[in-house]
Structures are given as C-alpha cells and as structure tokens.
Amino acid sequence: MQADLLIRNVTVRGHGAVDVAIDDGRITAICPRLSVAARVVLEGHGGALLPGLHDHHIHLLGAAAQLDSVVLTGVGSAAAVAARIRERAHRIRTAWVGPPVGVRGEDGPPVASAWVRATGYDEDMAGPLAKETLDQWLPDVPLRVQYHTGSLWVFNTRGLSEIAAVSGPDTPLERDAAGEPTGRLWDGDAWLKTCLPTQLPPLAALGRQLAAAGVTALTDASAGTGADEAALLARAHACGDLPQHLHLMSRGPLVAPADGAYAVGPVKIMLHEARLPDFDDIVLAVRQARAWNRRVAFHCATPTELSLALAVLDVAGTLDGDRIEHGSIIDDASAAVLAERSLTVVTQPAFIEERGDAYLARVDAGDIDNLYRCAGLLRSGVRVAGSSDAPYAEPDPWTAIRAASRRRTRSGHLLGGAEIVAPQTALNMFLGSPEDPGGTPRVVAVGADADLCMLKVPLHVALADPHRRWVAATVIAGRPAFVDARCATM
C-alpha cells in the first residue's frame, strides 16, 4: 500500500494508537500499525487527530495588514497609545527607502507604506478621537487609527492632506459645522482603498499563523471583496502563502474561479444602527442575492440591527443557510425566531475574554447575559458556528473555544455564565463544513477530505485548557501546512 502521507500513533474518535494513511487529498485507511510506503511520515506520539478547524468569519486582508500595524488592544492610557504610535513612526523613518510600493529595488525588499496604521482603539484609552488628538501624538507622519469596532477610522492632519491630494473635494469624510474635516471616516474602507498607496499585506505570515492554530479553512466575511481582492487571495492560495480553503463573501457579484482557488459564499449585508440603509434597499439586496443563487449574511451587532434583519427576511424570505453575523445581543424571543427560520448565528465568543471587562462597564445590565450567546441559542434550536472576526480579535479559534467554555473576562469576571458550553461543544462550533456552519461536525474517517489538526496531547487534555500550543501539525488537502518540531518528519 502506498500513500502520500502517513500519520502514525494518533487517537481518532477515542481509538488510540492508530495510523492514518492519506493519498490524493483523502483519508484512505485508519488502522493500527499500517504497513504503508509513504512519501511523508508524521509521528503523532498518541495525540488526538481532529478535523481541521474552520474560522467561519474572518477578514483576511485586514488580519494580514494587522500584522504590520500598531495594535492598541489592551493599552491602558493615552500616553501609552502615543508611545506605541511614535515608536512605529520612528521605525518608518529609519527604514530603507527605495522604489514605489510593490517594486523591488536592487538593494532591498518592497517598500512599506509611509503611513502609520493603528488598530484596536477604545475610547477608554484617550476618549473620543478627532484629528487634533492624533496631531498631538504624531504631527509629521500620516497616521490613521481604527476603532476596535472596525467601523471608524480617524486621521491626523498630515493624513488628511495625503488623502486630499488624490481624492478631490467630494469625500465621505465627516465634517464639522464649518465644513472642515474632523478626521473621522465612518464605514469608508472601500473608498479609502482608492486613496492610499497600494501595499500587499503579509498573507504568508497570516497563513502560517492560522495553520499553526490548526485552521484548514476560512470564510472571509468582508463586504468590500470584489474581483481584485478575490484575485489577490486566489493568488496567495495558489502559491501556498494562504494554504487554507477559502470561501469569500461579497456585497456585489462574485464568480468562483475554474481552478477552485476559492468558493463563493453568502452576500454580506452591512447594518450599522447609526446609519441604517433604507428598508426597501435592503430587501432589494436580498432579492439580488437570490438572483445570484446565494444566501445572505447580515451584520447584526445590536438588537435593532437584528430586528431589522428579521423584518427584511419577513418580506424577502429566508433560505436555509442564511446567516446572522455576530449576533452580539440576542434575547430569548429573538432566538426563538432565529430557530423557527433556520437561521445560523456565526458568533465570536473570544470577545467575552478580550473585551468582556469593557462590556461590563458599558453594556446595559439587561443585555449583559445576552452577549455573544452560545448555550442559550443552542437550547433554542439555533445553529451556532464559531469564528474569530480577526483582525478585531486574534485569529485563533482556541481563544474562542476557551472563552465559550469559561465565559471569563481577562480580569476573571464571569460574564453570562448561563451561556457556558462544554469544551467539546465549543470545538464543534469550528468543525462544521464551510457550506453548513453550525451543522454536523466533520469527523476523521476513511474517505473524508484530509484536512486535519493533530494535537500533541489527548483531546481531553487539550479541552481542559484550550490553547493553540497543543497543535502539533496541520494538514490541508493531504499536505502538511504546519509541523511542530516535536513531530518526526521523514
């Protein structure tokens, strides 16, 4: 018997000390002490072999760009924010300078953007932001700071000047009563791309980070994905920089390529309570999605946004596979409606750990127990899938698994204890297929696709303390995408 890959001495679905043979991207045999001539052998040391994890809601280009950004999450003061931003500006000033972005010179790599990009800002750090605050922090280098919600960018005066030089006077930038830009830009990512220097994000680094966490498939939930962004992701997948299977959402039309570099997912419909679209326009967007033979995925971070999404679906109709993204606050009555309509909630439990202390200080007491629910939704019959929402949280499903099974904030406070689920249930939220998030978890079995996550320890050990450090190897389409040094590779 021959195989492309042999994984020795692993535990599969409770059966220990078995070998797993893989050929042509599929599992061909599971048996103790297989006699196989394999091109590559991985030693499992008795660890669990799981299906690969699927992050059902991530923003790939943003998550990659974050790797080259100033991350403000967890910073405790305005002085600390300013220090981080100035440190990044200093590195830019002292960096090698050469040809335009994306062009290789004879003496160095592609040039980084001259902008300082900071993400994860919270008003607890230094209050509401406008250009004047950013000018105090950094007056002489273009600076943009993104709020942790992802919906608001703020620019310093130097950055506004850079944008004005290429955009003209008619812009979506917020203006004060005198008509002057405040430096604030709401939901303007698509427009912003037309104003900033082109810079390829470090997708290879992101791909490695995700593979090291056992992630084998990704659903990019970015509404702004178009042909150009999809082509960039397809190229990254084809060359191995982003080895995970890709499923892409978009606001507009999108066609899957013949080579299968990505599949097309639901149409993303953005709802922001402060700037809601016209009701009839949302209905038309759903009907357009149906004409494209696609499901819809509503961004719903508030009860008002969720109520609007449900009202739209009352008119436009619901299809199995339609999704509610985030479902940040869902009460029991809404959960019953979601279950009745077979809507899937794609949630981010990691926010309980990463932002829970801020929620306890800001969110109405009546809503606290309804934040990023898991157990209550499952009891109501709602399908629940897990995701990271990176770059707005870490691109690490194990953080979400830990948070869903503990519901503890970083300071140790319990938040919504009735929503705790068993660690295995939390893991299952990442094991549904891309086409059926929250559905039946995939299993390791003969004939299944060889998208696998091998752990260094038995499953019960990993679930007692969910963490990416337990990942020993990740296999995507039958090929190792990550192998820890502990695994003997031959």
Protein backbone atom coordinates (compact mmCIF):
# COMPACT_ATOMS: atom_id res chain seq x y z
CA MET A 1 0.00 0.00 0.00
CA GLN A 2 1.27 3.45 -0.91
CA ALA A 3 0.30 6.88 0.37
CA ASP A 4 1.32 10.48 0.08
CA LEU A 5 1.26 10.89 3.87
CA LEU A 6 1.20 8.57 6.86
CA ILE A 7 0.35 9.81 10.35
CA ARG A 8 1.47 7.32 12.99
CA ASN A 9 0.23 6.68 16.50
CA VAL A 10 -2.68 9.05 16.91
CA THR A 11 -6.04 8.86 18.65
CA VAL A 12 -9.03 9.07 16.31
CA ARG A 13 -12.55 9.40 17.77
CA GLY A 14 -11.44 7.77 21.01
CA HIS A 15 -9.50 4.93 19.38
CA GLY A 16 -5.84 5.16 20.33
CA ALA A 17 -2.61 4.06 18.70
CA VAL A 18 -3.91 4.06 15.13
CA ASP A 19 -2.20 5.10 11.92
CA VAL A 20 -3.85 7.21 9.25
CA ALA A 21 -2.94 6.94 5.57
CA ILE A 22 -3.66 9.80 3.18
CA ASP A 23 -3.47 9.79 -0.59
CA ASP A 24 -4.63 12.29 -3.20
CA GLY A 25 -6.07 14.58 -0.54
CA ARG A 26 -8.27 11.98 1.15
CA ILE A 27 -8.02 9.59 4.07
CA THR A 28 -7.57 6.09 2.66
CA ALA A 29 -7.04 3.97 5.77
CA ILE A 30 -7.27 4.14 9.56
CA CYS A 31 -5.83 1.13 11.34
CA PRO A 32 -3.25 0.17 13.98
CA ARG A 33 0.25 -0.40 12.62
CA LEU A 34 -0.45 0.23 8.96
CA SER A 35 2.11 -1.13 6.53
CA VAL A 36 2.37 1.77 4.11
CA ALA A 37 5.08 3.17 1.89
CA ALA A 38 4.54 6.90 2.35
CA ARG A 39 6.36 9.90 0.96
CA VAL A 40 5.97 11.79 4.24
CA VAL A 41 5.51 10.39 7.75
CA LEU A 42 4.38 12.35 10.80
CA GLU A 43 4.73 10.89 14.29
CA GLY A 44 1.68 11.61 16.44
CA HIS A 45 3.01 10.44 19.83
CA GLY A 46 -0.51 9.41 20.87
CA GLY A 47 -2.08 12.83 20.38
CA ALA A 48 -5.59 13.36 19.09
CA LEU A 49 -6.24 13.73 15.36
CA LEU A 50 -9.16 16.07 14.63
CA PRO A 51 -10.77 17.54 11.56
CA GLY A 52 -9.15 20.85 10.71
CA LEU A 53 -10.78 23.91 12.23
CA HIS A 54 -12.78 26.36 10.12
CA ASP A 55 -12.86 30.05 11.01
CA HIS A 56 -16.34 30.93 9.77
CA HIS A 57 -15.92 34.73 9.87
CA ILE A 58 -12.58 36.45 9.30
CA HIS A 59 -11.34 39.46 7.31
CA LEU A 60 -8.19 38.18 5.66
CA LEU A 61 -6.71 41.33 4.17
CA GLY A 62 -7.37 43.26 7.37
CA ALA A 63 -5.97 40.47 9.53
CA ALA A 64 -2.84 40.34 7.38
CA ALA A 65 -2.45 44.12 7.47
CA GLN A 66 -2.75 43.99 11.24
CA LEU A 67 0.50 42.05 11.37
CA ASP A 68 2.21 45.22 10.13
CA SER A 69 0.17 47.63 12.27
CA VAL A 70 0.32 49.20 15.70
CA VAL A 71 -2.04 47.07 17.79
CA LEU A 72 -3.59 49.13 20.57
CA THR A 73 -5.75 46.42 22.15
CA GLY A 74 -5.17 46.39 25.90
CA VAL A 75 -3.26 49.68 26.03
CA GLY A 76 -4.21 51.50 29.22
CA SER A 77 -3.58 55.20 28.65
CA ALA A 78 -3.27 57.99 26.10
CA ALA A 79 0.45 58.23 26.85
CA ALA A 80 0.93 54.55 26.07
CA VAL A 81 -1.05 54.89 22.82
CA ALA A 82 1.12 57.83 21.76
CA ALA A 83 4.30 55.95 22.65
CA ARG A 84 3.39 52.95 20.51
CA ILE A 85 2.46 55.14 17.56
CA ARG A 86 5.67 57.19 17.81
CA GLU A 87 7.76 54.03 18.04
CA ARG A 88 6.26 52.79 14.79
CA ALA A 89 6.85 56.18 13.14
CA HIS A 90 10.49 56.04 14.21
CA ARG A 91 10.90 52.65 12.55
CA ILE A 92 9.38 54.02 9.34
CA ARG A 93 11.74 57.00 9.34
CA THR A 94 14.80 54.80 9.76
CA ALA A 95 13.70 52.10 7.30
CA TRP A 96 15.31 51.58 3.90
CA VAL A 97 13.79 53.89 1.29
CA GLY A 98 13.65 52.94 -2.36
CA PRO A 99 11.27 52.44 -5.29
CA PRO A 100 7.48 52.73 -5.10
CA VAL A 101 5.46 50.25 -3.09
CA GLY A 102 5.45 46.74 -4.56
CA VAL A 103 8.52 47.37 -6.74
CA ARG A 104 11.72 45.55 -5.82
CA GLY A 105 14.89 47.57 -5.89
CA GLU A 106 18.38 46.16 -6.31
CA ASP A 107 19.22 46.55 -2.62
CA GLY A 108 16.09 45.75 -0.68
CA PRO A 109 12.57 44.41 -0.33
CA PRO A 110 9.33 46.11 -1.36
CA VAL A 111 8.90 49.40 0.48
CA ALA A 112 6.37 49.61 3.29
CA SER A 113 3.75 52.32 3.25
CA ALA A 114 4.84 55.59 4.86
CA TRP A 115 1.58 55.64 6.82
CA VAL A 116 1.37 54.63 10.45
CA ARG A 117 -1.65 52.35 10.80
CA ALA A 118 -3.03 51.65 14.28
CA THR A 119 -5.95 49.38 15.17
CA GLY A 120 -7.94 48.34 18.22
CA TYR A 121 -8.55 51.79 19.68
CA ASP A 122 -11.04 52.08 22.53
CA GLU A 123 -12.30 55.37 23.97
CA ASP A 124 -11.30 54.19 27.45
CA MET A 125 -7.73 54.88 26.32
CA ALA A 126 -7.97 58.59 25.48
CA GLY A 127 -11.61 59.48 24.89
CA PRO A 128 -13.28 60.21 21.53
CA LEU A 129 -10.77 60.79 18.74
CA ALA A 130 -10.55 63.56 16.17
CA LYS A 131 -7.67 64.89 14.11
CA GLU A 132 -6.48 67.23 16.87
CA THR A 133 -5.67 64.36 19.23
CA LEU A 134 -3.81 62.47 16.52
CA ASP A 135 -1.88 65.63 15.64
CA GLN A 136 -0.64 65.78 19.23
CA TRP A 137 0.51 62.18 19.05
CA LEU A 138 2.12 62.38 15.60
CA PRO A 139 2.06 65.61 13.59
CA ASP A 140 4.58 64.89 10.84
CA VAL A 141 3.76 61.39 9.55
CA PRO A 142 0.42 60.30 8.03
CA LEU A 143 -1.49 58.47 10.76
CA ARG A 144 -4.78 56.61 10.79
CA VAL A 145 -6.30 54.94 13.83
CA GLN A 146 -9.12 52.40 13.66
CA TYR A 147 -11.63 51.90 16.47
CA HIS A 148 -11.89 48.36 17.81
CA THR A 149 -15.35 48.04 16.21
CA GLY A 150 -13.81 48.38 12.75
CA SER A 151 -16.39 50.92 11.60
CA LEU A 152 -14.47 54.14 12.27
CA TRP A 153 -11.09 55.44 11.09
CA VAL A 154 -9.61 58.69 12.38
CA PHE A 155 -6.82 60.58 10.55
CA ASN A 156 -4.34 63.21 11.61
CA THR A 157 -3.98 66.43 9.60
CA ARG A 158 -1.00 65.08 7.68
CA GLY A 159 -3.01 62.03 6.71
CA LEU A 160 -5.96 64.16 5.61
CA SER A 161 -3.60 66.16 3.39
CA GLU A 162 -2.29 62.97 1.78
CA ILE A 163 -5.86 61.86 1.05
CA ALA A 164 -6.92 65.27 -0.26
CA ALA A 165 -4.06 65.23 -2.74
CA VAL A 166 -5.52 62.21 -4.53
CA SER A 167 -9.25 62.24 -3.73
CA GLY A 168 -10.55 65.69 -4.57
CA PRO A 169 -13.03 67.72 -2.50
CA ASP A 170 -16.03 65.36 -2.59
CA THR A 171 -15.27 62.73 0.06
CA PRO A 172 -17.22 60.74 2.68
CA LEU A 173 -15.05 62.20 5.45
CA GLU A 174 -17.06 63.60 8.36
CA ARG A 175 -17.14 67.41 8.51
CA ASP A 176 -17.94 69.84 11.29
CA ALA A 177 -20.45 72.72 11.18
CA ALA A 178 -17.90 74.90 9.40
CA GLY A 179 -17.34 72.29 6.71
CA GLU A 180 -13.88 71.28 7.93
CA PRO A 181 -12.90 67.58 8.12
CA THR A 182 -12.96 66.23 11.66
CA GLY A 183 -10.61 63.43 10.70
CA ARG A 184 -13.32 60.80 11.15
CA LEU A 185 -14.39 58.35 8.44
CA TRP A 186 -17.33 56.00 9.04
CA ASP A 187 -17.61 52.72 7.10
CA GLY A 188 -15.33 54.05 4.39
CA ASP A 189 -12.94 51.17 3.73
CA ALA A 190 -13.90 50.74 0.07
CA TRP A 191 -13.39 54.45 -0.63
CA LEU A 192 -10.20 54.54 1.42
CA LYS A 193 -8.60 51.88 -0.77
CA THR A 194 -8.74 54.31 -3.68
CA CYS A 195 -6.81 56.95 -1.73
CA LEU A 196 -3.96 55.03 -0.13
CA PRO A 197 -0.75 53.59 -1.57
CA THR A 198 -1.08 50.01 -2.77
CA GLN A 199 0.63 47.64 -0.38
CA LEU A 200 0.43 43.87 -0.47
CA PRO A 201 -0.46 42.60 3.01
CA PRO A 202 1.68 39.82 4.52
CA LEU A 203 -0.71 36.98 3.71
CA ALA A 204 2.03 34.35 4.01
CA ALA A 205 2.63 35.28 7.64
CA LEU A 206 -1.10 35.11 8.32
CA GLY A 207 -1.37 31.76 6.58
CA ARG A 208 1.40 30.35 8.77
CA GLN A 209 -0.20 31.75 11.92
CA LEU A 210 -3.55 30.19 11.08
CA ALA A 211 -2.01 26.86 10.12
CA ALA A 212 -0.16 26.77 13.44
CA ALA A 213 -3.56 27.01 15.15
CA GLY A 214 -4.97 24.05 13.22
CA VAL A 215 -7.08 26.14 10.84
CA THR A 216 -7.66 24.50 7.47
CA ALA A 217 -10.50 26.61 6.01
CA LEU A 218 -11.61 30.23 6.15
CA THR A 219 -14.72 32.23 5.33
CA ASP A 220 -13.78 35.81 4.51
CA ALA A 221 -16.75 37.92 5.59
CA SER A 222 -15.66 41.23 4.05
CA ALA A 223 -18.47 43.06 2.28
CA GLY A 224 -15.96 45.00 0.19
CA THR A 225 -14.45 41.99 -1.53
CA GLY A 226 -14.57 42.39 -5.29
CA ALA A 227 -12.76 40.86 -8.23
CA ASP A 228 -9.42 42.47 -7.33
CA GLU A 229 -9.45 41.37 -3.71
CA ALA A 230 -10.62 37.88 -4.66
CA ALA A 231 -7.84 37.59 -7.24
CA LEU A 232 -5.25 38.62 -4.65
CA LEU A 233 -6.49 35.96 -2.24
CA ALA A 234 -6.63 33.39 -5.03
CA ARG A 235 -3.00 34.07 -5.94
CA ALA A 236 -1.97 33.75 -2.31
CA HIS A 237 -3.76 30.42 -2.12
CA ALA A 238 -2.30 29.13 -5.38
CA CYS A 239 1.29 29.89 -4.37
CA GLY A 240 0.85 28.42 -0.89
CA ASP A 241 1.04 31.66 1.07
CA LEU A 242 -2.54 31.11 2.21
CA PRO A 243 -2.96 27.32 2.07
CA GLN A 244 -6.38 27.20 3.75
CA HIS A 245 -9.52 26.51 1.72
CA LEU A 246 -11.20 29.85 1.01
CA HIS A 247 -14.86 30.87 0.96
CA LEU A 248 -15.47 34.51 0.13
CA MET A 249 -18.44 36.73 0.89
CA SER A 250 -19.03 39.96 -1.00
CA ARG A 251 -21.55 42.74 -1.27
CA GLY A 252 -21.64 42.55 -5.07
CA PRO A 253 -21.36 39.82 -7.68
CA LEU A 254 -18.53 37.32 -7.39
CA VAL A 255 -17.77 34.28 -9.52
CA ALA A 256 -15.80 31.25 -8.35
CA PRO A 257 -12.71 30.57 -10.48
CA ALA A 258 -12.39 27.40 -12.50
CA ASP A 259 -9.31 26.31 -10.56
CA GLY A 260 -11.23 26.22 -7.27
CA ALA A 261 -8.95 28.73 -5.54
CA TYR A 262 -11.99 29.94 -3.63
CA ALA A 263 -15.70 29.24 -3.33
CA VAL A 264 -18.30 31.99 -3.28
CA GLY A 265 -20.21 32.40 -0.03
CA PRO A 266 -23.21 34.49 1.03
CA VAL A 267 -23.87 38.09 0.10
CA LYS A 268 -22.81 40.29 3.01
CA ILE A 269 -25.35 42.92 4.10
CA MET A 270 -23.98 45.54 6.47
CA LEU A 271 -26.31 47.03 9.08
CA HIS A 272 -24.98 49.79 11.34
CA GLU A 273 -27.60 51.18 13.69
CA ALA A 274 -26.36 54.77 13.43
CA ARG A 275 -26.54 54.74 9.61
CA LEU A 276 -29.08 52.12 8.57
CA PRO A 277 -29.85 51.66 4.87
CA ASP A 278 -33.35 52.19 3.53
CA PHE A 279 -35.57 49.19 4.27
CA ASP A 280 -36.57 48.70 0.64
CA ASP A 281 -32.93 48.82 -0.44
CA ILE A 282 -32.10 46.00 1.96
CA VAL A 283 -34.98 43.93 0.61
CA LEU A 284 -33.68 44.50 -2.90
CA ALA A 285 -30.21 43.39 -1.80
CA VAL A 286 -31.64 40.11 -0.51
CA ARG A 287 -33.57 39.55 -3.72
CA GLN A 288 -30.45 40.27 -5.75
CA ALA A 289 -28.60 37.66 -3.72
CA ARG A 290 -31.30 35.14 -4.56
CA ALA A 291 -30.94 36.01 -8.24
CA TRP A 292 -27.25 35.15 -7.89
CA ASN A 293 -28.25 31.88 -6.20
CA ARG A 294 -26.60 32.95 -2.96
CA ARG A 295 -27.56 33.12 0.69
CA VAL A 296 -27.29 36.30 2.75
CA ALA A 297 -25.27 37.15 5.84
CA PHE A 298 -26.44 40.11 7.93
CA HIS A 299 -24.03 42.04 10.15
CA CYS A 300 -26.03 42.34 13.39
CA ALA A 301 -24.22 43.74 16.41
CA THR A 302 -27.23 45.34 18.15
CA PRO A 303 -30.84 44.31 18.87
CA THR A 304 -32.04 46.99 16.44
CA GLU A 305 -29.90 45.61 13.63
CA LEU A 306 -31.15 42.09 14.33
CA SER A 307 -34.78 43.22 14.38
CA LEU A 308 -34.28 44.96 11.05
CA ALA A 309 -32.68 41.89 9.50
CA LEU A 310 -35.57 39.71 10.63
CA ALA A 311 -38.10 42.23 9.30
CA VAL A 312 -36.35 42.27 5.93
CA LEU A 313 -36.40 38.49 5.78
CA ASP A 314 -40.12 38.58 6.59
CA VAL A 315 -40.58 40.38 3.28
CA ALA A 316 -37.82 38.88 1.15
CA GLY A 317 -37.99 35.34 2.50
CA THR A 318 -35.46 33.14 4.27
CA LEU A 319 -33.40 30.30 2.84
CA ASP A 320 -31.65 27.58 4.78
CA GLY A 321 -28.07 28.80 5.07
CA ASP A 322 -28.86 32.47 5.63
CA ARG A 323 -26.71 33.80 8.44
CA ILE A 324 -26.61 36.33 11.23
CA GLU A 325 -23.04 37.53 11.73
CA HIS A 326 -22.02 38.32 15.32
CA GLY A 327 -25.47 38.21 16.93
CA SER A 328 -23.81 40.27 19.63
CA ILE A 329 -27.01 40.70 21.68
CA ILE A 330 -29.84 38.18 21.21
CA ASP A 331 -32.70 37.78 23.67
CA ASP A 332 -34.81 34.64 24.07
CA ALA A 333 -37.64 35.93 21.88
CA SER A 334 -35.28 36.65 19.01
CA ALA A 335 -33.57 33.29 19.50
CA ALA A 336 -36.92 31.56 19.03
CA VAL A 337 -37.46 33.41 15.75
CA LEU A 338 -33.97 32.51 14.54
CA ALA A 339 -34.62 28.85 15.27
CA GLU A 340 -38.03 28.93 13.57
CA ARG A 341 -36.46 30.34 10.41
CA SER A 342 -33.42 28.03 10.48
CA LEU A 343 -31.04 30.97 10.59
CA THR A 344 -27.45 30.31 11.61
CA VAL A 345 -25.66 32.60 14.06
CA VAL A 346 -21.93 32.97 13.45
CA THR A 347 -20.61 34.32 16.71
CA GLN A 348 -17.29 35.33 18.31
CA PRO A 349 -17.04 34.12 21.92
CA ALA A 350 -13.46 35.40 22.16
CA PHE A 351 -14.86 38.90 22.61
CA ILE A 352 -16.06 37.81 26.07
CA GLU A 353 -12.45 37.22 27.06
CA GLU A 354 -10.85 40.04 25.09
CA ARG A 355 -13.45 42.80 25.65
CA GLY A 356 -15.57 41.49 28.49
CA ASP A 357 -14.34 43.94 31.11
CA ALA A 358 -15.31 46.86 28.86
CA TYR A 359 -18.72 45.26 28.23
CA LEU A 360 -19.35 45.02 31.97
CA ALA A 361 -18.66 48.73 32.29
CA ARG A 362 -20.67 49.89 29.27
CA VAL A 363 -23.40 47.47 28.26
CA ASP A 364 -26.85 47.79 29.80
CA ALA A 365 -27.33 45.37 32.66
CA GLY A 366 -30.32 43.83 30.90
CA ASP A 367 -28.18 42.92 27.90
CA ILE A 368 -25.09 41.55 29.65
CA ASP A 369 -26.33 37.97 29.81
CA ASN A 370 -27.32 38.09 26.13
CA LEU A 371 -23.84 38.95 24.83
CA TYR A 372 -22.35 36.52 22.31
CA ARG A 373 -24.61 33.72 23.46
CA CYS A 374 -23.89 30.07 22.80
CA ALA A 375 -25.70 27.71 25.20
CA GLY A 376 -28.99 29.62 25.14
CA LEU A 377 -29.07 29.71 21.35
CA LEU A 378 -28.31 26.01 21.12
CA ARG A 379 -31.07 25.23 23.64
CA SER A 380 -33.44 27.24 21.46
CA GLY A 381 -32.53 25.14 18.44
CA VAL A 382 -30.36 27.74 16.70
CA ARG A 383 -27.33 26.56 14.76
CA VAL A 384 -24.24 28.31 16.12
CA ALA A 385 -20.88 28.49 14.38
CA GLY A 386 -17.65 29.88 15.79
CA SER A 387 -15.30 32.43 14.33
CA SER A 388 -12.63 34.95 15.23
CA ASP A 389 -13.67 38.12 13.36
CA ALA A 390 -9.93 38.83 13.02
CA PRO A 391 -8.45 41.41 12.92
CA TYR A 392 -10.96 42.61 15.55
CA ALA A 393 -9.92 39.66 17.71
CA GLU A 394 -6.96 37.33 17.48
CA PRO A 395 -7.11 34.88 14.53
CA ASP A 396 -7.10 31.96 16.96
CA PRO A 397 -10.11 29.63 17.34
CA TRP A 398 -8.70 28.21 20.56
CA THR A 399 -9.24 31.55 22.28
CA ALA A 400 -12.90 31.38 21.26
CA ILE A 401 -13.18 27.75 22.42
CA ARG A 402 -11.72 28.70 25.79
CA ALA A 403 -13.98 31.74 26.12
CA ALA A 404 -17.15 29.85 25.16
CA SER A 405 -16.45 27.17 27.76
CA ARG A 406 -15.47 29.57 30.57
CA ARG A 407 -17.11 32.97 29.90
CA ARG A 408 -14.41 34.74 31.90
CA THR A 409 -13.09 38.22 31.14
CA ARG A 410 -9.37 38.93 31.25
CA SER A 411 -9.73 40.19 34.81
CA GLY A 412 -11.51 36.97 35.78
CA HIS A 413 -15.13 38.16 35.96
CA LEU A 414 -17.84 35.71 34.94
CA LEU A 415 -19.95 37.15 32.11
CA GLY A 416 -23.16 35.36 31.19
CA GLY A 417 -22.48 32.11 32.99
CA ALA A 418 -25.69 30.54 31.67
CA GLU A 419 -24.12 30.65 28.20
CA ILE A 420 -21.22 28.35 29.08
CA VAL A 421 -20.98 25.31 26.80
CA ALA A 422 -18.91 22.17 27.17
CA PRO A 423 -15.45 22.48 25.60
CA GLN A 424 -16.32 19.80 23.04
CA THR A 425 -19.41 21.78 22.04
CA ALA A 426 -17.25 24.89 21.65
CA LEU A 427 -14.81 22.94 19.48
CA ASN A 428 -17.67 21.62 17.36
CA MET A 429 -18.59 25.22 16.50
CA PHE A 430 -15.39 25.26 14.41
CA LEU A 431 -15.86 21.80 12.86
CA GLY A 432 -18.90 22.44 10.68
CA SER A 433 -18.32 22.49 6.96
CA PRO A 434 -17.94 25.86 5.23
CA GLU A 435 -21.24 25.23 3.45
CA ASP A 436 -23.04 24.34 6.68
CA PRO A 437 -21.62 26.37 9.58
CA GLY A 438 -23.06 25.20 12.85
CA GLY A 439 -24.15 21.95 11.24
CA THR A 440 -22.98 18.40 11.87
CA PRO A 441 -19.30 18.43 12.89
CA ARG A 442 -16.95 16.83 10.41
CA VAL A 443 -15.12 13.67 11.55
CA VAL A 444 -11.89 11.88 10.75
CA ALA A 445 -12.96 8.87 8.68
CA VAL A 446 -11.92 6.88 5.65
CA GLY A 447 -12.97 8.75 2.53
CA ALA A 448 -13.06 12.14 4.24
CA ASP A 449 -11.04 15.07 2.98
CA ALA A 450 -7.60 15.12 4.57
CA ASP A 451 -7.98 18.49 6.28
CA LEU A 452 -6.68 17.68 9.73
CA CYS A 453 -5.43 19.10 13.02
CA MET A 454 -3.11 16.88 15.03
CA LEU A 455 -2.65 17.64 18.72
CA LYS A 456 0.33 16.94 20.95
CA VAL A 457 -1.94 15.54 23.65
CA PRO A 458 -5.18 13.55 24.00
CA LEU A 459 -8.30 15.55 23.27
CA HIS A 460 -9.48 15.68 26.89
CA VAL A 461 -6.20 17.31 27.90
CA ALA A 462 -6.48 19.97 25.20
CA LEU A 463 -10.11 20.70 26.03
CA ALA A 464 -9.30 21.10 29.73
CA ASP A 465 -7.11 24.06 28.77
CA PRO A 466 -7.90 25.09 25.17
CA HIS A 467 -4.84 26.70 23.59
CA ARG A 468 -3.09 26.78 20.23
CA ARG A 469 0.08 25.45 21.86
CA TRP A 470 -1.42 21.96 21.71
CA VAL A 471 -1.38 21.92 17.89
CA ALA A 472 1.35 19.59 16.61
CA ALA A 473 0.60 19.57 12.89
CA THR A 474 -1.95 20.78 10.38
CA VAL A 475 -2.73 19.01 7.12
CA ILE A 476 -4.61 20.73 4.30
CA ALA A 477 -5.74 18.77 1.25
CA GLY A 478 -3.41 15.96 2.27
CA ARG A 479 -0.30 18.12 2.62
CA PRO A 480 1.37 19.29 5.83
CA ALA A 481 0.85 23.04 6.21
CA PHE A 482 2.34 23.23 9.69
CA VAL A 483 4.52 20.75 11.56
CA ASP A 484 5.80 21.33 15.08
CA ALA A 485 9.45 20.43 15.65
CA ARG A 486 8.34 17.66 18.01
CA CYS A 487 6.79 15.69 15.16
CA ALA A 488 9.32 13.50 13.36
CA THR A 489 9.01 14.13 9.63
CA MET A 490 10.61 11.73 7.18
